[in-house]
């Protein structure tokens, strides 16, 4: 067993018990900082998370999505600084203040094996539809500036 093998395996086994009898195509770990709670060494956290992601992909054949919280005001992409290297894709959510309103934004920072649109879009979270991607932020800003003239 690798250094964290028993703990990583126990976590993935717990997921398997929850998923038993279901056809799972995606597993979301939200947020990964909860899995790393108590660990101080970045190398330890990175190896633990890498093992979990690899075990999930091997066991379930599912897409694994990781979320991480970023301290307010930070320009970093992730809490620990290595999450984007573990993942095939990075989708960044943000908030922009525009004309006194807070607009939720989303963009694809990285998507391996795919040509991703790098535009920043606005989005809403609606009760029935869930996350709804709206127009690009630049278009919304242009419309507001033109109508404000």
N, C-alpha and C. Protein backbone atom coordinates (compact mmCIF):
# COMPACT_ATOMS: atom_id res chain seq x y z
N UNK A 1 0.83 -1.20 0.00
CA UNK A 1 0.00 0.00 0.00
C UNK A 1 0.86 1.24 0.00
N UNK A 2 0.38 2.23 -0.72
CA UNK A 2 1.08 3.52 -0.70
C UNK A 2 0.83 4.18 0.64
N UNK A 3 1.46 5.29 0.84
CA UNK A 3 1.41 5.97 2.14
C UNK A 3 -0.01 6.17 2.65
N UNK A 4 -0.93 6.55 1.79
CA UNK A 4 -2.30 6.83 2.22
C UNK A 4 -3.28 5.77 1.76
N UNK A 5 -2.77 4.68 1.26
CA UNK A 5 -3.60 3.66 0.65
C UNK A 5 -4.81 3.25 1.44
N UNK A 6 -4.63 2.97 2.73
CA UNK A 6 -5.76 2.50 3.54
C UNK A 6 -6.82 3.58 3.67
N UNK A 7 -6.40 4.80 3.97
CA UNK A 7 -7.36 5.89 4.16
C UNK A 7 -8.07 6.23 2.84
N UNK A 8 -7.31 6.32 1.76
CA UNK A 8 -7.89 6.62 0.45
C UNK A 8 -8.87 5.53 0.04
N UNK A 9 -8.47 4.28 0.25
CA UNK A 9 -9.31 3.14 -0.11
C UNK A 9 -10.60 3.13 0.72
N UNK A 10 -10.49 3.45 2.00
CA UNK A 10 -11.68 3.50 2.86
C UNK A 10 -12.66 4.56 2.37
N UNK A 11 -12.14 5.71 1.94
CA UNK A 11 -13.01 6.78 1.43
C UNK A 11 -13.72 6.32 0.16
N UNK A 12 -13.00 5.73 -0.76
CA UNK A 12 -13.59 5.27 -2.02
C UNK A 12 -14.56 4.12 -1.76
N UNK A 13 -14.27 3.25 -0.82
CA UNK A 13 -15.20 2.17 -0.44
C UNK A 13 -16.49 2.75 0.12
N UNK A 14 -16.39 3.81 0.91
CA UNK A 14 -17.59 4.47 1.44
C UNK A 14 -18.43 5.04 0.30
N UNK A 15 -17.78 5.64 -0.69
CA UNK A 15 -18.51 6.13 -1.87
C UNK A 15 -19.20 4.98 -2.60
N UNK A 16 -18.52 3.86 -2.71
CA UNK A 16 -19.09 2.69 -3.40
C UNK A 16 -20.34 2.19 -2.69
N UNK A 17 -20.32 2.19 -1.36
CA UNK A 17 -21.51 1.76 -0.60
C UNK A 17 -22.68 2.70 -0.88
N UNK A 18 -22.42 3.99 -0.92
CA UNK A 18 -23.47 4.97 -1.19
C UNK A 18 -24.01 4.80 -2.61
N UNK A 19 -23.11 4.52 -3.56
CA UNK A 19 -23.48 4.44 -4.98
C UNK A 19 -24.02 3.09 -5.40
N UNK A 20 -24.00 2.11 -4.51
CA UNK A 20 -24.38 0.75 -4.87
C UNK A 20 -25.74 0.72 -5.58
N UNK A 21 -25.76 0.03 -6.72
CA UNK A 21 -27.01 -0.12 -7.46
C UNK A 21 -27.34 1.05 -8.37
N UNK A 22 -26.51 2.06 -8.39
CA UNK A 22 -26.77 3.24 -9.22
C UNK A 22 -25.74 3.30 -10.34
N UNK A 23 -26.17 3.82 -11.47
CA UNK A 23 -25.25 4.03 -12.59
C UNK A 23 -24.65 5.43 -12.44
N UNK A 24 -23.44 5.51 -11.93
CA UNK A 24 -22.80 6.79 -11.62
C UNK A 24 -21.92 7.21 -12.79
N UNK A 25 -22.16 8.43 -13.30
CA UNK A 25 -21.30 8.94 -14.38
C UNK A 25 -20.42 10.10 -13.91
N UNK A 26 -20.80 10.75 -12.79
CA UNK A 26 -20.02 11.85 -12.24
C UNK A 26 -19.99 11.76 -10.73
N UNK A 27 -18.84 12.08 -10.18
CA UNK A 27 -18.71 12.17 -8.73
C UNK A 27 -18.09 13.53 -8.43
N UNK A 28 -18.74 14.30 -7.57
CA UNK A 28 -18.27 15.63 -7.22
C UNK A 28 -17.78 15.62 -5.78
N UNK A 29 -16.55 16.04 -5.58
CA UNK A 29 -15.98 16.20 -4.24
C UNK A 29 -16.02 17.69 -3.93
N UNK A 30 -16.92 18.09 -3.04
CA UNK A 30 -17.22 19.50 -2.80
C UNK A 30 -17.22 19.83 -1.33
N UNK A 31 -16.33 20.66 -0.88
CA UNK A 31 -15.06 21.08 -1.46
C UNK A 31 -13.95 20.13 -1.04
N UNK A 32 -12.89 20.10 -1.80
CA UNK A 32 -11.79 19.19 -1.46
C UNK A 32 -11.05 19.64 -0.21
N UNK A 33 -11.20 20.90 0.17
CA UNK A 33 -10.53 21.36 1.40
C UNK A 33 -11.03 20.58 2.61
N UNK A 34 -12.28 20.09 2.55
CA UNK A 34 -12.81 19.28 3.65
C UNK A 34 -12.07 17.95 3.76
N UNK A 35 -11.66 17.39 2.62
CA UNK A 35 -10.90 16.14 2.64
C UNK A 35 -9.49 16.35 3.18
N UNK A 36 -8.98 17.55 3.01
CA UNK A 36 -7.60 17.84 3.42
C UNK A 36 -7.53 18.46 4.82
N UNK A 37 -8.66 18.56 5.48
CA UNK A 37 -8.69 19.20 6.81
C UNK A 37 -7.71 18.53 7.76
N UNK A 38 -6.95 19.34 8.43
CA UNK A 38 -6.01 18.83 9.42
C UNK A 38 -4.62 18.58 8.88
N UNK A 39 -4.49 18.39 7.58
CA UNK A 39 -3.16 18.15 6.99
C UNK A 39 -2.47 19.48 6.77
N UNK A 40 -1.22 19.55 7.13
CA UNK A 40 -0.47 20.80 6.98
C UNK A 40 0.48 20.78 5.78
N UNK A 41 0.95 19.61 5.42
CA UNK A 41 1.95 19.47 4.37
C UNK A 41 1.28 19.39 3.00
N UNK A 42 1.62 20.31 2.11
CA UNK A 42 1.02 20.35 0.77
C UNK A 42 1.27 19.06 0.00
N UNK A 43 2.45 18.48 0.15
CA UNK A 43 2.78 17.24 -0.54
C UNK A 43 1.86 16.10 -0.09
N UNK A 44 1.57 16.06 1.20
CA UNK A 44 0.67 15.04 1.76
C UNK A 44 -0.73 15.21 1.17
N UNK A 45 -1.22 16.44 1.14
CA UNK A 45 -2.56 16.72 0.61
C UNK A 45 -2.63 16.34 -0.87
N UNK A 46 -1.63 16.75 -1.63
CA UNK A 46 -1.61 16.47 -3.07
C UNK A 46 -1.64 14.97 -3.34
N UNK A 47 -0.82 14.20 -2.64
CA UNK A 47 -0.76 12.76 -2.86
C UNK A 47 -2.08 12.08 -2.45
N UNK A 48 -2.65 12.50 -1.34
CA UNK A 48 -3.92 11.94 -0.87
C UNK A 48 -5.03 12.18 -1.90
N UNK A 49 -5.15 13.42 -2.37
CA UNK A 49 -6.19 13.74 -3.35
C UNK A 49 -5.95 13.03 -4.68
N UNK A 50 -4.70 12.94 -5.10
CA UNK A 50 -4.37 12.23 -6.34
C UNK A 50 -4.79 10.77 -6.25
N UNK A 51 -4.51 10.15 -5.11
CA UNK A 51 -4.90 8.75 -4.92
C UNK A 51 -6.42 8.58 -4.97
N UNK A 52 -7.13 9.48 -4.31
CA UNK A 52 -8.60 9.39 -4.31
C UNK A 52 -9.15 9.53 -5.72
N UNK A 53 -8.69 10.54 -6.47
CA UNK A 53 -9.17 10.74 -7.84
C UNK A 53 -8.86 9.52 -8.70
N UNK A 54 -7.65 9.00 -8.62
CA UNK A 54 -7.28 7.82 -9.41
C UNK A 54 -8.14 6.61 -9.04
N UNK A 55 -8.36 6.39 -7.76
CA UNK A 55 -9.17 5.25 -7.32
C UNK A 55 -10.62 5.38 -7.78
N UNK A 56 -11.17 6.59 -7.72
CA UNK A 56 -12.55 6.81 -8.17
C UNK A 56 -12.65 6.51 -9.66
N UNK A 57 -11.71 7.03 -10.44
CA UNK A 57 -11.75 6.81 -11.89
C UNK A 57 -11.60 5.33 -12.23
N UNK A 58 -10.73 4.62 -11.52
CA UNK A 58 -10.54 3.19 -11.77
C UNK A 58 -11.77 2.39 -11.36
N UNK A 59 -12.32 2.69 -10.20
CA UNK A 59 -13.42 1.89 -9.66
C UNK A 59 -14.75 2.15 -10.34
N UNK A 60 -15.05 3.43 -10.61
CA UNK A 60 -16.36 3.78 -11.14
C UNK A 60 -16.34 4.09 -12.63
N UNK A 61 -15.19 4.43 -13.18
CA UNK A 61 -15.12 4.88 -14.56
C UNK A 61 -15.89 6.18 -14.74
N UNK A 62 -16.00 6.94 -13.68
CA UNK A 62 -16.80 8.16 -13.67
C UNK A 62 -15.92 9.40 -13.81
N UNK A 63 -16.53 10.46 -14.30
CA UNK A 63 -15.87 11.76 -14.32
C UNK A 63 -15.84 12.28 -12.89
N UNK A 64 -14.69 12.73 -12.46
CA UNK A 64 -14.55 13.26 -11.11
C UNK A 64 -14.46 14.77 -11.18
N UNK A 65 -15.31 15.45 -10.44
CA UNK A 65 -15.27 16.90 -10.37
C UNK A 65 -14.86 17.30 -8.96
N UNK A 66 -13.89 18.19 -8.88
CA UNK A 66 -13.42 18.69 -7.59
C UNK A 66 -13.79 20.16 -7.51
N UNK A 67 -14.28 20.59 -6.37
CA UNK A 67 -14.48 22.02 -6.16
C UNK A 67 -13.54 22.44 -5.04
N UNK A 68 -13.10 23.67 -5.13
CA UNK A 68 -12.28 24.19 -4.04
C UNK A 68 -12.67 25.64 -3.80
N UNK A 69 -12.58 26.02 -2.57
CA UNK A 69 -12.88 27.39 -2.21
C UNK A 69 -11.60 28.20 -2.28
N UNK A 70 -11.75 29.44 -2.68
CA UNK A 70 -10.61 30.35 -2.79
C UNK A 70 -10.89 31.51 -1.85
N UNK A 71 -9.90 31.90 -1.06
CA UNK A 71 -10.12 33.03 -0.15
C UNK A 71 -10.58 34.28 -0.92
N UNK A 72 -11.55 35.00 -0.37
CA UNK A 72 -12.06 36.21 -0.99
C UNK A 72 -10.93 37.19 -1.27
N UNK A 73 -10.94 37.75 -2.47
CA UNK A 73 -9.93 38.72 -2.85
C UNK A 73 -8.65 38.11 -3.40
N UNK A 74 -8.56 36.80 -3.39
CA UNK A 74 -7.36 36.12 -3.87
C UNK A 74 -7.37 36.04 -5.39
N UNK A 75 -6.21 36.10 -6.01
CA UNK A 75 -6.09 35.92 -7.46
C UNK A 75 -5.70 34.49 -7.82
N UNK A 76 -5.62 33.64 -6.81
CA UNK A 76 -5.23 32.24 -7.06
C UNK A 76 -6.38 31.48 -7.70
N UNK A 77 -6.05 30.39 -8.37
CA UNK A 77 -7.07 29.54 -8.98
C UNK A 77 -7.58 28.49 -8.02
N UNK A 78 -6.81 28.23 -6.97
CA UNK A 78 -7.19 27.16 -6.05
C UNK A 78 -6.64 27.44 -4.66
N UNK A 79 -7.18 26.73 -3.69
CA UNK A 79 -6.76 26.94 -2.31
C UNK A 79 -5.32 26.49 -2.09
N UNK A 80 -4.98 25.31 -2.58
CA UNK A 80 -3.66 24.74 -2.29
C UNK A 80 -2.62 25.03 -3.36
N UNK A 81 -3.05 25.36 -4.56
CA UNK A 81 -2.12 25.70 -5.63
C UNK A 81 -1.74 24.56 -6.55
N UNK A 82 -2.29 23.38 -6.34
CA UNK A 82 -1.94 22.25 -7.21
C UNK A 82 -3.16 21.56 -7.79
N UNK A 83 -4.35 21.93 -7.36
CA UNK A 83 -5.56 21.24 -7.81
C UNK A 83 -5.70 21.24 -9.33
N UNK A 84 -5.33 22.35 -9.97
CA UNK A 84 -5.47 22.42 -11.42
C UNK A 84 -4.57 21.43 -12.15
N UNK A 85 -3.51 20.98 -11.48
CA UNK A 85 -2.61 19.99 -12.10
C UNK A 85 -3.15 18.57 -11.94
N UNK A 86 -4.03 18.35 -10.97
CA UNK A 86 -4.66 17.04 -10.78
C UNK A 86 -5.81 16.82 -11.75
N UNK A 87 -6.36 17.90 -12.26
CA UNK A 87 -7.60 17.79 -13.01
C UNK A 87 -7.40 17.97 -14.51
N UNK A 88 -8.36 17.45 -15.25
CA UNK A 88 -8.35 17.60 -16.70
C UNK A 88 -8.93 18.93 -17.12
N UNK A 89 -9.76 19.50 -16.26
CA UNK A 89 -10.38 20.77 -16.57
C UNK A 89 -10.50 21.66 -15.36
N UNK A 90 -10.46 22.96 -15.61
CA UNK A 90 -10.65 23.93 -14.54
C UNK A 90 -11.70 24.92 -15.01
N UNK A 91 -12.79 25.01 -14.26
CA UNK A 91 -13.86 25.96 -14.52
C UNK A 91 -13.86 26.92 -13.35
N UNK A 92 -13.75 28.21 -13.65
CA UNK A 92 -13.63 29.22 -12.61
C UNK A 92 -14.94 29.99 -12.48
N UNK A 93 -15.46 30.02 -11.26
CA UNK A 93 -16.66 30.81 -10.95
C UNK A 93 -16.21 32.08 -10.25
N UNK A 94 -16.90 33.16 -10.51
CA UNK A 94 -16.54 34.42 -9.86
C UNK A 94 -17.74 35.33 -9.72
N UNK A 95 -17.48 36.50 -9.19
CA UNK A 95 -18.50 37.53 -9.03
C UNK A 95 -17.88 38.85 -9.46
N UNK A 96 -18.62 39.61 -10.29
CA UNK A 96 -18.16 40.91 -10.75
C UNK A 96 -19.21 41.94 -10.36
N UNK A 97 -18.76 43.04 -9.79
CA UNK A 97 -19.68 44.15 -9.49
C UNK A 97 -19.76 45.03 -10.74
N UNK A 98 -20.99 45.23 -11.23
CA UNK A 98 -21.18 46.01 -12.45
C UNK A 98 -22.44 46.85 -12.31
N UNK A 99 -22.28 48.16 -12.36
CA UNK A 99 -23.39 49.10 -12.19
C UNK A 99 -24.22 48.78 -10.95
N UNK A 100 -23.55 48.53 -9.85
CA UNK A 100 -24.23 48.29 -8.58
C UNK A 100 -24.81 46.90 -8.41
N UNK A 101 -24.66 46.04 -9.40
CA UNK A 101 -25.17 44.67 -9.32
C UNK A 101 -24.00 43.70 -9.23
N UNK A 102 -24.24 42.58 -8.57
CA UNK A 102 -23.26 41.50 -8.55
C UNK A 102 -23.65 40.48 -9.61
N UNK A 103 -22.78 40.27 -10.57
CA UNK A 103 -23.02 39.30 -11.63
C UNK A 103 -22.16 38.06 -11.38
N UNK A 104 -22.78 36.91 -11.44
CA UNK A 104 -22.04 35.65 -11.31
C UNK A 104 -21.38 35.36 -12.65
N UNK A 105 -20.10 34.98 -12.61
CA UNK A 105 -19.37 34.70 -13.86
C UNK A 105 -18.80 33.28 -13.85
N UNK A 106 -18.58 32.77 -15.06
CA UNK A 106 -18.02 31.43 -15.23
C UNK A 106 -17.17 31.43 -16.50
N UNK A 107 -16.02 30.76 -16.43
CA UNK A 107 -15.23 30.55 -17.64
C UNK A 107 -14.39 29.29 -17.49
N UNK A 108 -14.01 28.73 -18.64
CA UNK A 108 -13.18 27.53 -18.66
C UNK A 108 -11.73 27.98 -18.74
N UNK A 109 -10.98 27.73 -17.68
CA UNK A 109 -9.57 28.11 -17.63
C UNK A 109 -8.72 27.06 -18.36
N UNK A 110 -9.12 25.81 -18.22
CA UNK A 110 -8.34 24.71 -18.81
C UNK A 110 -9.28 23.55 -19.07
N UNK A 111 -9.11 22.90 -20.23
CA UNK A 111 -9.85 21.69 -20.53
C UNK A 111 -8.98 20.84 -21.44
N UNK A 112 -8.33 19.84 -20.84
CA UNK A 112 -7.45 18.97 -21.63
C UNK A 112 -8.23 18.28 -22.74
N UNK A 113 -7.55 18.08 -23.85
CA UNK A 113 -8.10 17.35 -24.99
C UNK A 113 -9.32 18.04 -25.60
N UNK A 114 -9.48 19.33 -25.36
CA UNK A 114 -10.64 20.03 -25.89
C UNK A 114 -10.29 21.50 -26.12
N UNK A 115 -10.80 22.06 -27.18
CA UNK A 115 -10.62 23.49 -27.43
C UNK A 115 -11.78 24.19 -26.74
N UNK A 116 -11.49 24.85 -25.65
CA UNK A 116 -12.54 25.49 -24.86
C UNK A 116 -12.63 26.98 -25.19
N UNK A 117 -13.84 27.48 -25.19
CA UNK A 117 -14.09 28.91 -25.35
C UNK A 117 -13.54 29.62 -24.11
N UNK A 118 -12.72 30.63 -24.30
CA UNK A 118 -12.11 31.30 -23.15
C UNK A 118 -12.90 32.53 -22.69
N UNK A 119 -14.08 32.76 -23.28
CA UNK A 119 -14.89 33.91 -22.88
C UNK A 119 -15.41 33.74 -21.46
N UNK A 120 -15.56 34.87 -20.79
CA UNK A 120 -16.18 34.87 -19.46
C UNK A 120 -17.67 35.10 -19.67
N UNK A 121 -18.49 34.19 -19.14
CA UNK A 121 -19.94 34.27 -19.28
C UNK A 121 -20.58 34.62 -17.94
N UNK A 122 -21.78 35.18 -18.02
CA UNK A 122 -22.57 35.36 -16.80
C UNK A 122 -23.47 34.14 -16.68
N UNK A 123 -23.90 33.87 -15.45
CA UNK A 123 -24.81 32.76 -15.24
C UNK A 123 -25.74 33.06 -14.08
N UNK A 124 -26.83 32.32 -14.04
CA UNK A 124 -27.78 32.40 -12.93
C UNK A 124 -28.04 30.99 -12.43
N UNK A 125 -28.43 30.89 -11.18
CA UNK A 125 -28.87 29.61 -10.63
C UNK A 125 -30.37 29.74 -10.41
N UNK A 126 -31.13 28.96 -11.16
CA UNK A 126 -32.59 29.04 -11.14
C UNK A 126 -33.16 27.81 -10.46
N UNK A 127 -34.33 27.97 -9.81
CA UNK A 127 -34.91 26.86 -9.04
C UNK A 127 -35.15 25.58 -9.84
N UNK A 128 -35.67 25.66 -11.04
CA UNK A 128 -36.01 24.46 -11.80
C UNK A 128 -34.88 24.06 -12.74
N UNK A 129 -34.33 25.03 -13.46
CA UNK A 129 -33.31 24.72 -14.47
C UNK A 129 -31.93 24.47 -13.90
N UNK A 130 -31.64 24.98 -12.73
CA UNK A 130 -30.30 24.87 -12.17
C UNK A 130 -29.40 25.97 -12.69
N UNK A 131 -28.17 25.63 -13.05
CA UNK A 131 -27.22 26.62 -13.56
C UNK A 131 -27.55 26.91 -15.02
N UNK A 132 -27.78 28.19 -15.33
CA UNK A 132 -28.11 28.61 -16.69
C UNK A 132 -27.04 29.60 -17.14
N UNK A 133 -26.31 29.23 -18.19
CA UNK A 133 -25.27 30.10 -18.74
C UNK A 133 -25.94 31.15 -19.62
N UNK A 134 -25.62 32.40 -19.38
CA UNK A 134 -26.20 33.51 -20.13
C UNK A 134 -25.19 34.03 -21.15
N UNK A 135 -25.31 35.30 -21.52
CA UNK A 135 -24.41 35.84 -22.53
C UNK A 135 -23.02 36.13 -21.96
N UNK A 136 -22.06 36.32 -22.86
CA UNK A 136 -20.72 36.68 -22.38
C UNK A 136 -20.76 37.99 -21.58
N UNK A 137 -19.93 38.08 -20.59
CA UNK A 137 -19.86 39.28 -19.75
C UNK A 137 -19.57 40.50 -20.61
N UNK A 138 -18.70 40.38 -21.60
CA UNK A 138 -18.34 41.52 -22.45
C UNK A 138 -19.57 42.07 -23.18
N UNK A 139 -20.46 41.19 -23.65
CA UNK A 139 -21.68 41.65 -24.33
C UNK A 139 -22.59 42.38 -23.37
N UNK A 140 -22.73 41.86 -22.17
CA UNK A 140 -23.58 42.50 -21.18
C UNK A 140 -23.03 43.89 -20.84
N UNK A 141 -21.72 44.00 -20.72
CA UNK A 141 -21.10 45.29 -20.42
C UNK A 141 -21.28 46.25 -21.59
N UNK A 142 -21.09 45.76 -22.82
CA UNK A 142 -21.26 46.61 -24.00
C UNK A 142 -22.69 47.13 -24.10
N UNK A 143 -23.69 46.26 -23.88
CA UNK A 143 -25.09 46.66 -23.94
C UNK A 143 -25.39 47.74 -22.91
N UNK A 144 -24.88 47.58 -21.72
CA UNK A 144 -25.14 48.54 -20.65
C UNK A 144 -24.49 49.88 -20.98
N UNK A 145 -23.27 49.84 -21.50
CA UNK A 145 -22.57 51.08 -21.82
C UNK A 145 -23.25 51.81 -22.98
N UNK A 146 -23.71 51.05 -23.99
CA UNK A 146 -24.39 51.66 -25.14
C UNK A 146 -25.72 52.26 -24.70
N UNK A 147 -26.48 51.53 -23.88
CA UNK A 147 -27.78 52.03 -23.43
C UNK A 147 -27.63 53.18 -22.45
N UNK A 148 -26.46 53.28 -21.82
CA UNK A 148 -26.23 54.36 -20.85
C UNK A 148 -25.84 55.66 -21.50
N UNK A 149 -25.54 55.63 -22.82
CA UNK A 149 -25.13 56.86 -23.52
C UNK A 149 -26.27 57.75 -23.87
